[in-house]
Amino acid sequence: MRRHRRAAAGGDVHGGAGRQPARAHGANWPFGHRGGVAHREPFPWAPAMEAGLGILRLRPGDFWAMTPRELDAALRGAFGTRKAATPPTRGDLAELMKRYPDGAQHAG
């Protein structure tokens, strides 16, 4: 998968051909601090490939031409997005506090 569309000219997600060295961009490139590249978690290749190739049934060429954002959009389009749980109201909290007062012994 490509990081973004501009990396298509011979480069890959690991910064192959076409990527300029960090020193050409200044000491703060690419993450805005001195001392080199910040530690980032590695990209989750196995789950991404399982989702793209196995679940979405993409052809390998189509999968590898996608950016991670495009894969995310395809998965959201296929399965929707999770809706956040509605937070409890004051009435809900009051009911829970009445039902389960602090310091009470509960059989459990």
PDB file of N, CA and C in Angstrom:
ATOM      1  N   MET A   1       0.845  -1.177   0.000  1.00  0.00           N
ATOM      2  CA  MET A   1       0.000   0.000   0.000  1.00  0.00           C
ATOM      3  C   MET A   1       0.888   1.236   0.000  1.00  0.00           C
ATOM      4  N   ARG A   2       0.425   2.254  -0.667  1.00  0.00           N
ATOM      5  CA  ARG A   2       1.194   3.493  -0.702  1.00  0.00           C
ATOM      6  C   ARG A   2       0.770   4.385   0.447  1.00  0.00           C
ATOM      7  N   ARG A   3       1.689   5.199   0.934  1.00  0.00           N
ATOM      8  CA  ARG A   3       1.357   6.143   2.003  1.00  0.00           C
ATOM      9  C   ARG A   3       0.381   7.188   1.510  1.00  0.00           C
ATOM     10  N   HIS A   4       0.601   7.682   0.318  1.00  0.00           N
ATOM     11  CA  HIS A   4      -0.273   8.679  -0.284  1.00  0.00           C
ATOM     12  C   HIS A   4      -0.038   8.651  -1.779  1.00  0.00           C
ATOM     13  N   ARG A   5      -0.881   9.317  -2.497  1.00  0.00           N
ATOM     14  CA  ARG A   5      -0.837   9.269  -3.958  1.00  0.00           C
ATOM     15  C   ARG A   5       0.485   9.774  -4.529  1.00  0.00           C
ATOM     16  N   ARG A   6       1.132  10.738  -3.894  1.00  0.00           N
ATOM     17  CA  ARG A   6       2.346  11.307  -4.461  1.00  0.00           C
ATOM     18  C   ARG A   6       3.512  10.332  -4.438  1.00  0.00           C
ATOM     19  N   ALA A   7       3.433   9.260  -3.668  1.00  0.00           N
ATOM     20  CA  ALA A   7       4.555   8.325  -3.561  1.00  0.00           C
ATOM     21  C   ALA A   7       4.578   7.297  -4.683  1.00  0.00           C
ATOM     22  N   ALA A   8       3.716   7.423  -5.673  1.00  0.00           N
ATOM     23  CA  ALA A   8       3.576   6.395  -6.692  1.00  0.00           C
ATOM     24  C   ALA A   8       4.768   6.300  -7.642  1.00  0.00           C
ATOM     25  N   ALA A   9       5.557   7.331  -7.766  1.00  0.00           N
ATOM     26  CA  ALA A   9       6.638   7.346  -8.751  1.00  0.00           C
ATOM     27  C   ALA A   9       7.832   6.544  -8.249  1.00  0.00           C
ATOM     28  N   GLY A  10       7.703   5.221  -8.235  1.00  0.00           N
ATOM     29  CA  GLY A  10       8.802   4.361  -7.889  1.00  0.00           C
ATOM     30  C   GLY A  10       8.998   4.151  -6.400  1.00  0.00           C
ATOM     31  N   GLY A  11       8.250   4.831  -5.555  1.00  0.00           N
ATOM     32  CA  GLY A  11       8.408   4.684  -4.118  1.00  0.00           C
ATOM     33  C   GLY A  11       7.383   3.725  -3.554  1.00  0.00           C
ATOM     34  N   ASP A  12       7.678   3.206  -2.382  1.00  0.00           N
ATOM     35  CA  ASP A  12       6.721   2.352  -1.694  1.00  0.00           C
ATOM     36  C   ASP A  12       6.554   2.856  -0.269  1.00  0.00           C
ATOM     37  N   VAL A  13       5.764   2.172   0.542  1.00  0.00           N
ATOM     38  CA  VAL A  13       5.501   2.653   1.894  1.00  0.00           C
ATOM     39  C   VAL A  13       6.728   2.627   2.779  1.00  0.00           C
ATOM     40  N   HIS A  14       7.772   1.943   2.378  1.00  0.00           N
ATOM     41  CA  HIS A  14       8.980   1.892   3.175  1.00  0.00           C
ATOM     42  C   HIS A  14       9.996   2.937   2.749  1.00  0.00           C
ATOM     43  N   GLY A  15       9.590   3.836   1.853  1.00  0.00           N
ATOM     44  CA  GLY A  15      10.469   4.925   1.449  1.00  0.00           C
ATOM     45  C   GLY A  15      11.513   4.523   0.438  1.00  0.00           C
ATOM     46  N   GLY A  16      11.129   3.709  -0.526  1.00  0.00           N
ATOM     47  CA  GLY A  16      12.069   3.265  -1.549  1.00  0.00           C
ATOM     48  C   GLY A  16      12.465   4.408  -2.463  1.00  0.00           C
ATOM     49  N   ALA A  17      12.687   4.108  -3.712  1.00  0.00           N
ATOM     50  CA  ALA A  17      13.137   5.103  -4.679  1.00  0.00           C
ATOM     51  C   ALA A  17      12.197   6.293  -4.702  1.00  0.00           C
ATOM     52  N   GLY A  18      12.743   7.449  -4.892  1.00  0.00           N
ATOM     53  CA  GLY A  18      11.942   8.652  -5.002  1.00  0.00           C
ATOM     54  C   GLY A  18      11.849   9.436  -3.707  1.00  0.00           C
ATOM     55  N   ARG A  19      12.259   8.863  -2.588  1.00  0.00           N
ATOM     56  CA  ARG A  19      12.201   9.565  -1.310  1.00  0.00           C
ATOM     57  C   ARG A  19      13.535  10.256  -1.060  1.00  0.00           C
ATOM     58  N   GLN A  20      13.473  11.517  -0.675  1.00  0.00           N
ATOM     59  CA  GLN A  20      14.691  12.245  -0.397  1.00  0.00           C
ATOM     60  C   GLN A  20      15.130  11.977   1.033  1.00  0.00           C
ATOM     61  N   PRO A  21      16.416  11.981   1.292  1.00  0.00           N
ATOM     62  CA  PRO A  21      16.886  11.762   2.652  1.00  0.00           C
ATOM     63  C   PRO A  21      16.463  12.891   3.576  1.00  0.00           C
ATOM     64  N   ALA A  22      16.391  12.590   4.868  1.00  0.00           N
ATOM     65  CA  ALA A  22      15.930  13.555   5.857  1.00  0.00           C
ATOM     66  C   ALA A  22      16.766  14.826   5.859  1.00  0.00           C
ATOM     67  N   ARG A  23      18.061  14.729   5.657  1.00  0.00           N
ATOM     68  CA  ARG A  23      18.906  15.918   5.726  1.00  0.00           C
ATOM     69  C   ARG A  23      18.563  16.934   4.636  1.00  0.00           C
ATOM     70  N   ALA A  24      17.968  16.501   3.541  1.00  0.00           N
ATOM     71  CA  ALA A  24      17.584  17.431   2.482  1.00  0.00           C
ATOM     72  C   ALA A  24      16.416  18.310   2.899  1.00  0.00           C
ATOM     73  N   HIS A  25      15.681  17.891   3.933  1.00  0.00           N
ATOM     74  CA  HIS A  25      14.513  18.640   4.371  1.00  0.00           C
ATOM     75  C   HIS A  25      14.774  19.443   5.631  1.00  0.00           C
ATOM     76  N   GLY A  26      15.948  19.356   6.193  1.00  0.00           N
ATOM     77  CA  GLY A  26      16.251  20.055   7.427  1.00  0.00           C
ATOM     78  C   GLY A  26      16.207  19.106   8.608  1.00  0.00           C
ATOM     79  N   ALA A  27      16.716  19.564   9.724  1.00  0.00           N
ATOM     80  CA  ALA A  27      16.865  18.706  10.896  1.00  0.00           C
ATOM     81  C   ALA A  27      15.528  18.302  11.502  1.00  0.00           C
ATOM     82  N   ASN A  28      14.466  19.026  11.231  1.00  0.00           N
ATOM     83  CA  ASN A  28      13.174  18.722  11.846  1.00  0.00           C
ATOM     84  C   ASN A  28      12.285  17.827  10.998  1.00  0.00           C
ATOM     85  N   TRP A  29      12.726  17.449   9.836  1.00  0.00           N
ATOM     86  CA  TRP A  29      11.895  16.619   8.972  1.00  0.00           C
ATOM     87  C   TRP A  29      11.965  15.189   9.453  1.00  0.00           C
ATOM     88  N   PRO A  30      10.950  14.334   9.422  1.00  0.00           N
ATOM     89  CA  PRO A  30       9.598  14.598   8.986  1.00  0.00           C
ATOM     90  C   PRO A  30       8.628  14.850  10.125  1.00  0.00           C
ATOM     91  N   PHE A  31       9.044  14.770  11.381  1.00  0.00           N
ATOM     92  CA  PHE A  31       8.072  14.820  12.461  1.00  0.00           C
ATOM     93  C   PHE A  31       8.189  16.047  13.350  1.00  0.00           C
ATOM     94  N   GLY A  32       8.896  17.060  12.929  1.00  0.00           N
ATOM     95  CA  GLY A  32       8.903  18.317  13.637  1.00  0.00           C
ATOM     96  C   GLY A  32       9.735  18.355  14.905  1.00  0.00           C
ATOM     97  N   HIS A  33      10.716  17.502  15.036  1.00  0.00           N
ATOM     98  CA  HIS A  33      11.599  17.570  16.198  1.00  0.00           C
ATOM     99  C   HIS A  33      13.004  17.148  15.794  1.00  0.00           C
ATOM    100  N   ARG A  34      13.948  17.518  16.584  1.00  0.00           N
ATOM    101  CA  ARG A  34      15.339  17.147  16.302  1.00  0.00           C
ATOM    102  C   ARG A  34      15.607  15.749  16.836  1.00  0.00           C
ATOM    103  N   GLY A  35      16.650  15.139  16.328  1.00  0.00           N
ATOM    104  CA  GLY A  35      17.054  13.842  16.843  1.00  0.00           C
ATOM    105  C   GLY A  35      16.562  12.675  16.018  1.00  0.00           C
ATOM    106  N   GLY A  36      16.147  12.903  14.794  1.00  0.00           N
ATOM    107  CA  GLY A  36      15.749  11.793  13.939  1.00  0.00           C
ATOM    108  C   GLY A  36      14.247  11.574  13.917  1.00  0.00           C
ATOM    109  N   VAL A  37      13.873  10.437  13.391  1.00  0.00           N
ATOM    110  CA  VAL A  37      12.476  10.096  13.212  1.00  0.00           C
ATOM    111  C   VAL A  37      11.898   9.602  14.531  1.00  0.00           C
ATOM    112  N   ALA A  38      10.718  10.075  14.877  1.00  0.00           N
ATOM    113  CA  ALA A  38      10.040   9.643  16.101  1.00  0.00           C
ATOM    114  C   ALA A  38       9.627   8.182  15.975  1.00  0.00           C
ATOM    115  N   HIS A  39       9.588   7.503  17.095  1.00  0.00           N
ATOM    116  CA  HIS A  39       9.145   6.109  17.095  1.00  0.00           C
ATOM    117  C   HIS A  39       7.652   6.061  16.801  1.00  0.00           C
ATOM    118  N   ARG A  40       7.269   5.228  15.870  1.00  0.00           N
ATOM    119  CA  ARG A  40       5.867   5.004  15.551  1.00  0.00           C
ATOM    120  C   ARG A  40       5.622   3.515  15.571  1.00  0.00           C
ATOM    121  N   GLU A  41       4.408   3.146  15.878  1.00  0.00           N
ATOM    122  CA  GLU A  41       4.039   1.734  15.822  1.00  0.00           C
ATOM    123  C   GLU A  41       4.102   1.287  14.370  1.00  0.00           C
ATOM    124  N   PRO A  42       4.549   0.068  14.121  1.00  0.00           N
ATOM    125  CA  PRO A  42       4.588  -0.417  12.737  1.00  0.00           C
ATOM    126  C   PRO A  42       3.175  -0.570  12.171  1.00  0.00           C
ATOM    127  N   PHE A  43       3.072  -0.420  10.879  1.00  0.00           N
ATOM    128  CA  PHE A  43       1.764  -0.551  10.242  1.00  0.00           C
ATOM    129  C   PHE A  43       1.269  -1.988  10.403  1.00  0.00           C
ATOM    130  N   PRO A  44      -0.002  -2.179  10.737  1.00  0.00           N
ATOM    131  CA  PRO A  44      -0.545  -3.529  10.946  1.00  0.00           C
ATOM    132  C   PRO A  44      -0.831  -4.235   9.615  1.00  0.00           C
ATOM    133  N   TRP A  45       0.228  -4.748   9.000  1.00  0.00           N
ATOM    134  CA  TRP A  45       0.095  -5.349   7.673  1.00  0.00           C
ATOM    135  C   TRP A  45      -0.833  -6.552   7.654  1.00  0.00           C
ATOM    136  N   ALA A  46      -0.699  -7.461   8.607  1.00  0.00           N
ATOM    137  CA  ALA A  46      -1.519  -8.680   8.574  1.00  0.00           C
ATOM    138  C   ALA A  46      -3.013  -8.358   8.631  1.00  0.00           C
ATOM    139  N   PRO A  47      -3.485  -7.541   9.583  1.00  0.00           N
ATOM    140  CA  PRO A  47      -4.918  -7.220   9.581  1.00  0.00           C
ATOM    141  C   PRO A  47      -5.354  -6.447   8.334  1.00  0.00           C
ATOM    142  N   ALA A  48      -4.496  -5.561   7.832  1.00  0.00           N
ATOM    143  CA  ALA A  48      -4.846  -4.804   6.628  1.00  0.00           C
ATOM    144  C   ALA A  48      -5.007  -5.734   5.432  1.00  0.00           C
ATOM    145  N   MET A  49      -4.080  -6.684   5.289  1.00  0.00           N
ATOM    146  CA  MET A  49      -4.172  -7.634   4.176  1.00  0.00           C
ATOM    147  C   MET A  49      -5.384  -8.556   4.345  1.00  0.00           C
ATOM    148  N   GLU A  50      -5.648  -8.994   5.575  1.00  0.00           N
ATOM    149  CA  GLU A  50      -6.823  -9.840   5.812  1.00  0.00           C
ATOM    150  C   GLU A  50      -8.103  -9.095   5.449  1.00  0.00           C
ATOM    151  N   ALA A  51      -8.181  -7.826   5.837  1.00  0.00           N
ATOM    152  CA  ALA A  51      -9.378  -7.037   5.538  1.00  0.00           C
ATOM    153  C   ALA A  51      -9.514  -6.766   4.048  1.00  0.00           C
ATOM    154  N   GLY A  52      -8.425  -6.334   3.420  1.00  0.00           N
ATOM    155  CA  GLY A  52      -8.487  -5.966   2.010  1.00  0.00           C
ATOM    156  C   GLY A  52      -8.624  -7.147   1.072  1.00  0.00           C
ATOM    157  N   LEU A  53      -7.778  -8.140   1.268  1.00  0.00           N
ATOM    158  CA  LEU A  53      -7.780  -9.280   0.359  1.00  0.00           C
ATOM    159  C   LEU A  53      -8.830 -10.322   0.732  1.00  0.00           C
ATOM    160  N   GLY A  54      -9.008 -10.560   2.023  1.00  0.00           N
ATOM    161  CA  GLY A  54      -9.924 -11.610   2.466  1.00  0.00           C
ATOM    162  C   GLY A  54     -11.362 -11.161   2.608  1.00  0.00           C
ATOM    163  N   ILE A  55     -11.577 -10.069   3.332  1.00  0.00           N
ATOM    164  CA  ILE A  55     -12.950  -9.637   3.614  1.00  0.00           C
ATOM    165  C   ILE A  55     -13.539  -8.854   2.446  1.00  0.00           C
ATOM    166  N   LEU A  56     -12.805  -7.841   1.973  1.00  0.00           N
ATOM    167  CA  LEU A  56     -13.320  -7.037   0.858  1.00  0.00           C
ATOM    168  C   LEU A  56     -13.128  -7.714  -0.498  1.00  0.00           C
ATOM    169  N   ARG A  57     -12.301  -8.772  -0.539  1.00  0.00           N
ATOM    170  CA  ARG A  57     -12.047  -9.541  -1.756  1.00  0.00           C
ATOM    171  C   ARG A  57     -11.463  -8.673  -2.871  1.00  0.00           C
ATOM    172  N   LEU A  58     -10.566  -7.749  -2.497  1.00  0.00           N
ATOM    173  CA  LEU A  58      -9.897  -6.918  -3.483  1.00  0.00           C
ATOM    174  C   LEU A  58      -8.859  -7.743  -4.229  1.00  0.00           C
ATOM    175  N   ARG A  59      -8.635  -7.407  -5.474  1.00  0.00           N
ATOM    176  CA  ARG A  59      -7.529  -8.022  -6.208  1.00  0.00           C
ATOM    177  C   ARG A  59      -6.235  -7.479  -5.623  1.00  0.00           C
ATOM    178  N   PRO A  60      -5.169  -8.273  -5.580  1.00  0.00           N
ATOM    179  CA  PRO A  60      -3.912  -7.789  -4.993  1.00  0.00           C
ATOM    180  C   PRO A  60      -3.434  -6.462  -5.580  1.00  0.00           C
ATOM    181  N   GLY A  61      -3.536  -6.300  -6.885  1.00  0.00           N
ATOM    182  CA  GLY A  61      -3.106  -5.042  -7.500  1.00  0.00           C
ATOM    183  C   GLY A  61      -3.902  -3.857  -6.999  1.00  0.00           C
ATOM    184  N   ASP A  62      -5.202  -4.050  -6.819  1.00  0.00           N
ATOM    185  CA  ASP A  62      -6.042  -2.968  -6.302  1.00  0.00           C
ATOM    186  C   ASP A  62      -5.709  -2.672  -4.846  1.00  0.00           C
ATOM    187  N   PHE A  63      -5.490  -3.736  -4.049  1.00  0.00           N
ATOM    188  CA  PHE A  63      -5.140  -3.541  -2.643  1.00  0.00           C
ATOM    189  C   PHE A  63      -3.840  -2.755  -2.510  1.00  0.00           C
ATOM    190  N   TRP A  64      -2.807  -3.158  -3.224  1.00  0.00           N
ATOM    191  CA  TRP A  64      -1.503  -2.504  -3.076  1.00  0.00           C
ATOM    192  C   TRP A  64      -1.491  -1.100  -3.660  1.00  0.00           C
ATOM    193  N   ALA A  65      -2.443  -0.777  -4.538  1.00  0.00           N
ATOM    194  CA  ALA A  65      -2.534   0.581  -5.087  1.00  0.00           C
ATOM    195  C   ALA A  65      -3.264   1.532  -4.135  1.00  0.00           C
ATOM    196  N   MET A  66      -3.944   0.992  -3.114  1.00  0.00           N
ATOM    197  CA  MET A  66      -4.709   1.819  -2.175  1.00  0.00           C
ATOM    198  C   MET A  66      -3.805   2.455  -1.125  1.00  0.00           C
ATOM    199  N   THR A  67      -4.247   3.588  -0.616  1.00  0.00           N
ATOM    200  CA  THR A  67      -3.608   4.170   0.561  1.00  0.00           C
ATOM    201  C   THR A  67      -4.317   3.611   1.793  1.00  0.00           C
ATOM    202  N   PRO A  68      -3.709   3.691   2.978  1.00  0.00           N
ATOM    203  CA  PRO A  68      -4.412   3.251   4.181  1.00  0.00           C
ATOM    204  C   PRO A  68      -5.746   3.966   4.395  1.00  0.00           C
ATOM    205  N   ARG A  69      -5.818   5.249   4.059  1.00  0.00           N
ATOM    206  CA  ARG A  69      -7.088   5.979   4.197  1.00  0.00           C
ATOM    207  C   ARG A  69      -8.147   5.424   3.255  1.00  0.00           C
ATOM    208  N   GLU A  70      -7.748   5.045   2.054  1.00  0.00           N
ATOM    209  CA  GLU A  70      -8.705   4.464   1.117  1.00  0.00           C
ATOM    210  C   GLU A  70      -9.194   3.107   1.613  1.00  0.00           C
ATOM    211  N   LEU A  71      -8.306   2.310   2.187  1.00  0.00           N
ATOM    212  CA  LEU A  71      -8.726   1.026   2.759  1.00  0.00           C
ATOM    213  C   LEU A  71      -9.699   1.254   3.906  1.00  0.00           C
ATOM    214  N   ASP A  72      -9.403   2.216   4.758  1.00  0.00           N
ATOM    215  CA  ASP A  72     -10.292   2.544   5.865  1.00  0.00           C
ATOM    216  C   ASP A  72     -11.669   2.968   5.339  1.00  0.00           C
ATOM    217  N   ALA A  73     -11.677   3.806   4.316  1.00  0.00           N
ATOM    218  CA  ALA A  73     -12.946   4.257   3.739  1.00  0.00           C
ATOM    219  C   ALA A  73     -13.725   3.088   3.127  1.00  0.00           C
ATOM    220  N   ALA A  74     -13.031   2.174   2.473  1.00  0.00           N
ATOM    221  CA  ALA A  74     -13.695   1.014   1.882  1.00  0.00           C
ATOM    222  C   ALA A  74     -14.308   0.134   2.967  1.00  0.00           C
ATOM    223  N   LEU A  75     -13.582  -0.061   4.061  1.00  0.00           N
ATOM    224  CA  LEU A  75     -14.120  -0.872   5.167  1.00  0.00           C
ATOM    225  C   LEU A  75     -15.308  -0.187   5.822  1.00  0.00           C
ATOM    226  N   ARG A  76     -15.218   1.135   6.009  1.00  0.00           N
ATOM    227  CA  ARG A  76     -16.359   1.866   6.591  1.00  0.00           C
ATOM    228  C   ARG A  76     -17.563   1.828   5.653  1.00  0.00           C
ATOM    229  N   GLY A  77     -17.295   1.918   4.364  1.00  0.00           N
ATOM    230  CA  GLY A  77     -18.390   1.848   3.411  1.00  0.00           C
ATOM    231  C   GLY A  77     -19.064   0.483   3.402  1.00  0.00           C
ATOM    232  N   ALA A  78     -18.274  -0.562   3.580  1.00  0.00           N
ATOM    233  CA  ALA A  78     -18.824  -1.916   3.563  1.00  0.00           C
ATOM    234  C   ALA A  78     -19.526  -2.281   4.862  1.00  0.00           C
ATOM    235  N   PHE A  79     -18.999  -1.811   5.985  1.00  0.00           N
ATOM    236  CA  PHE A  79     -19.511  -2.262   7.285  1.00  0.00           C
ATOM    237  C   PHE A  79     -20.072  -1.155   8.151  1.00  0.00           C
ATOM    238  N   GLY A  80     -20.013   0.086   7.697  1.00  0.00           N
ATOM    239  CA  GLY A  80     -20.517   1.196   8.492  1.00  0.00           C
ATOM    240  C   GLY A  80     -19.523   1.594   9.566  1.00  0.00           C
ATOM    241  N   THR A  81     -19.915   2.573  10.329  1.00  0.00           N
ATOM    242  CA  THR A  81     -19.071   3.037  11.423  1.00  0.00           C
ATOM    243  C   THR A  81     -19.754   2.716  12.740  1.00  0.00           C
ATOM    244  N   ARG A  82     -18.950   2.526  13.750  1.00  0.00           N
ATOM    245  CA  ARG A  82     -19.509   2.288  15.077  1.00  0.00           C
ATOM    246  C   ARG A  82     -20.015   3.606  15.634  1.00  0.00           C
ATOM    247  N   LYS A  83     -21.171   3.554  16.216  1.00  0.00           N
ATOM    248  CA  LYS A  83     -21.703   4.746  16.850  1.00  0.00           C
ATOM    249  C   LYS A  83     -21.319   4.717  18.318  1.00  0.00           C
ATOM    250  N   ALA A  84     -20.896   5.855  18.805  1.00  0.00           N
ATOM    251  CA  ALA A  84     -20.510   5.951  20.204  1.00  0.00           C
ATOM    252  C   ALA A  84     -21.738   5.751  21.083  1.00  0.00           C
ATOM    253  N   ALA A  85     -21.531   5.103  22.211  1.00  0.00           N
ATOM    254  CA  ALA A  85     -22.617   4.896  23.160  1.00  0.00           C
ATOM    255  C   ALA A  85     -23.075   6.245  23.698  1.00  0.00           C
ATOM    256  N   THR A  86     -24.369   6.379  23.896  1.00  0.00           N
ATOM    257  CA  THR A  86     -24.912   7.602  24.459  1.00  0.00           C
ATOM    258  C   THR A  86     -24.536   7.669  25.929  1.00  0.00           C
ATOM    259  N   PRO A  87     -23.980   8.784  26.381  1.00  0.00           N
ATOM    260  CA  PRO A  87     -23.621   8.868  27.787  1.00  0.00           C
ATOM    261  C   PRO A  87     -24.868   8.849  28.673  1.00  0.00           C
ATOM    262  N   PRO A  88     -24.736   8.337  29.897  1.00  0.00           N
ATOM    263  CA  PRO A  88     -25.898   8.294  30.784  1.00  0.00           C
ATOM    264  C   PRO A  88     -26.346   9.697  31.160  1.00  0.00           C
ATOM    265  N   THR A  89     -27.642   9.850  31.331  1.00  0.00           N
ATOM    266  CA  THR A  89     -28.206  11.135  31.762  1.00  0.00           C
ATOM    267  C   THR A  89     -28.072  11.254  33.271  1.00  0.00           C
ATOM    268  N   ARG A  90     -28.384  12.431  33.813  1.00  0.00           N
ATOM    269  CA  ARG A  90     -28.370  12.615  35.270  1.00  0.00           C
ATOM    270  C   ARG A  90     -29.374  11.681  35.933  1.00  0.00           C
ATOM    271  N   GLY A  91     -30.511  11.489  35.300  1.00  0.00           N
ATOM    272  CA  GLY A  91     -31.518  10.580  35.834  1.00  0.00           C
ATOM    273  C   GLY A  91     -31.012   9.140  35.884  1.00  0.00           C
ATOM    274  N   ASP A  92     -30.302   8.721  34.821  1.00  0.00           N
ATOM    275  CA  ASP A  92     -29.716   7.376  34.804  1.00  0.00           C
ATOM    276  C   ASP A  92     -28.724   7.201  35.945  1.00  0.00           C
ATOM    277  N   LEU A  93     -27.870   8.215  36.147  1.00  0.00           N
ATOM    278  CA  LEU A  93     -26.889   8.132  37.220  1.00  0.00           C
ATOM    279  C   LEU A  93     -27.561   8.116  38.591  1.00  0.00           C
ATOM    280  N   ALA A  94     -28.606   8.928  38.754  1.00  0.00           N
ATOM    281  CA  ALA A  94     -29.323   8.951  40.036  1.00  0.00           C
ATOM    282  C   ALA A  94     -29.951   7.592  40.315  1.00  0.00           C
ATOM    283  N   GLU A  95     -30.523   6.973  39.306  1.00  0.00           N
ATOM    284  CA  GLU A  95     -31.126   5.645  39.466  1.00  0.00           C
ATOM    285  C   GLU A  95     -30.075   4.602  39.850  1.00  0.00           C
ATOM    286  N   LEU A  96     -28.929   4.644  39.206  1.00  0.00           N
ATOM    287  CA  LEU A  96     -27.852   3.714  39.542  1.00  0.00           C
ATOM    288  C   LEU A  96     -27.335   3.943  40.963  1.00  0.00           C
ATOM    289  N   MET A  97     -27.218   5.209  41.361  1.00  0.00           N
ATOM    290  CA  MET A  97     -26.751   5.514  42.711  1.00  0.00           C
ATOM    291  C   MET A  97     -27.755   5.050  43.763  1.00  0.00           C
ATOM    292  N   LYS A  98     -29.039   5.153  43.441  1.00  0.00           N
ATOM    293  CA  LYS A  98     -30.072   4.684  44.369  1.00  0.00           C
ATOM    294  C   LYS A  98     -30.043   3.157  44.451  1.00  0.00           C
ATOM    295  N   ARG A  99     -29.869   2.524  43.314  1.00  0.00           N
ATOM    296  CA  ARG A  99     -29.868   1.064  43.251  1.00  0.00           C
ATOM    297  C   ARG A  99     -28.602   0.464  43.869  1.00  0.00           C
ATOM    298  N   TYR A 100     -27.467   1.148  43.697  1.00  0.00           N
ATOM    299  CA  TYR A 100     -26.182   0.641  44.180  1.00  0.00           C
ATOM    300  C   TYR A 100     -25.465   1.717  45.000  1.00  0.00           C
ATOM    301  N   PRO A 101     -25.922   1.979  46.241  1.00  0.00           N
ATOM    302  CA  PRO A 101     -25.287   3.029  47.050  1.00  0.00           C
ATOM    303  C   PRO A 101     -23.863   2.636  47.462  1.00  0.00           C
ATOM    304  N   ASP A 102     -23.024   3.650  47.642  1.00  0.00           N
ATOM    305  CA  ASP A 102     -21.649   3.407  48.097  1.00  0.00           C
ATOM    306  C   ASP A 102     -21.664   2.778  49.470  1.00  0.00           C
ATOM    307  N   GLY A 103     -20.759   1.837  49.692  1.00  0.00           N
ATOM    308  CA  GLY A 103     -20.604   1.212  50.994  1.00  0.00           C
ATOM    309  C   GLY A 103     -21.546   0.055  51.263  1.00  0.00           C
ATOM    310  N   ALA A 104     -22.506  -0.187  50.403  1.00  0.00           N
ATOM    311  CA  ALA A 104     -23.442  -1.287  50.625  1.00  0.00           C
ATOM    312  C   ALA A 104     -22.797  -2.600  50.211  1.00  0.00           C
ATOM    313  N   GLN A 105     -23.124  -3.656  50.893  1.00  0.00           N
ATOM    314  CA  GLN A 105     -22.632  -4.996  50.554  1.00  0.00           C
ATOM    315  C   GLN A 105     -23.544  -5.603  49.493  1.00  0.00           C
ATOM    316  N   HIS A 106     -22.946  -6.120  48.463  1.00  0.00           N
ATOM    317  CA  HIS A 106     -23.722  -6.713  47.373  1.00  0.00           C
ATOM    318  C   HIS A 106     -23.424  -8.189  47.298  1.00  0.00           C
ATOM    319  N   ALA A 107     -24.462  -8.959  47.123  1.00  0.00           N
ATOM    320  CA  ALA A 107     -24.271 -10.399  46.873  1.00  0.00           C
ATOM    321  C   ALA A 107     -23.829 -10.552  45.432  1.00  0.00           C
ATOM    322  N   GLY A 108     -22.800 -11.255  45.221  1.00  0.00           N
ATOM    323  CA  GLY A 108     -22.387 -11.315  43.846  1.00  0.00           C
ATOM    324  C   GLY A 108     -21.525 -12.410  43.558  1.00  0.00           C
TER     325      GLY A 108
END
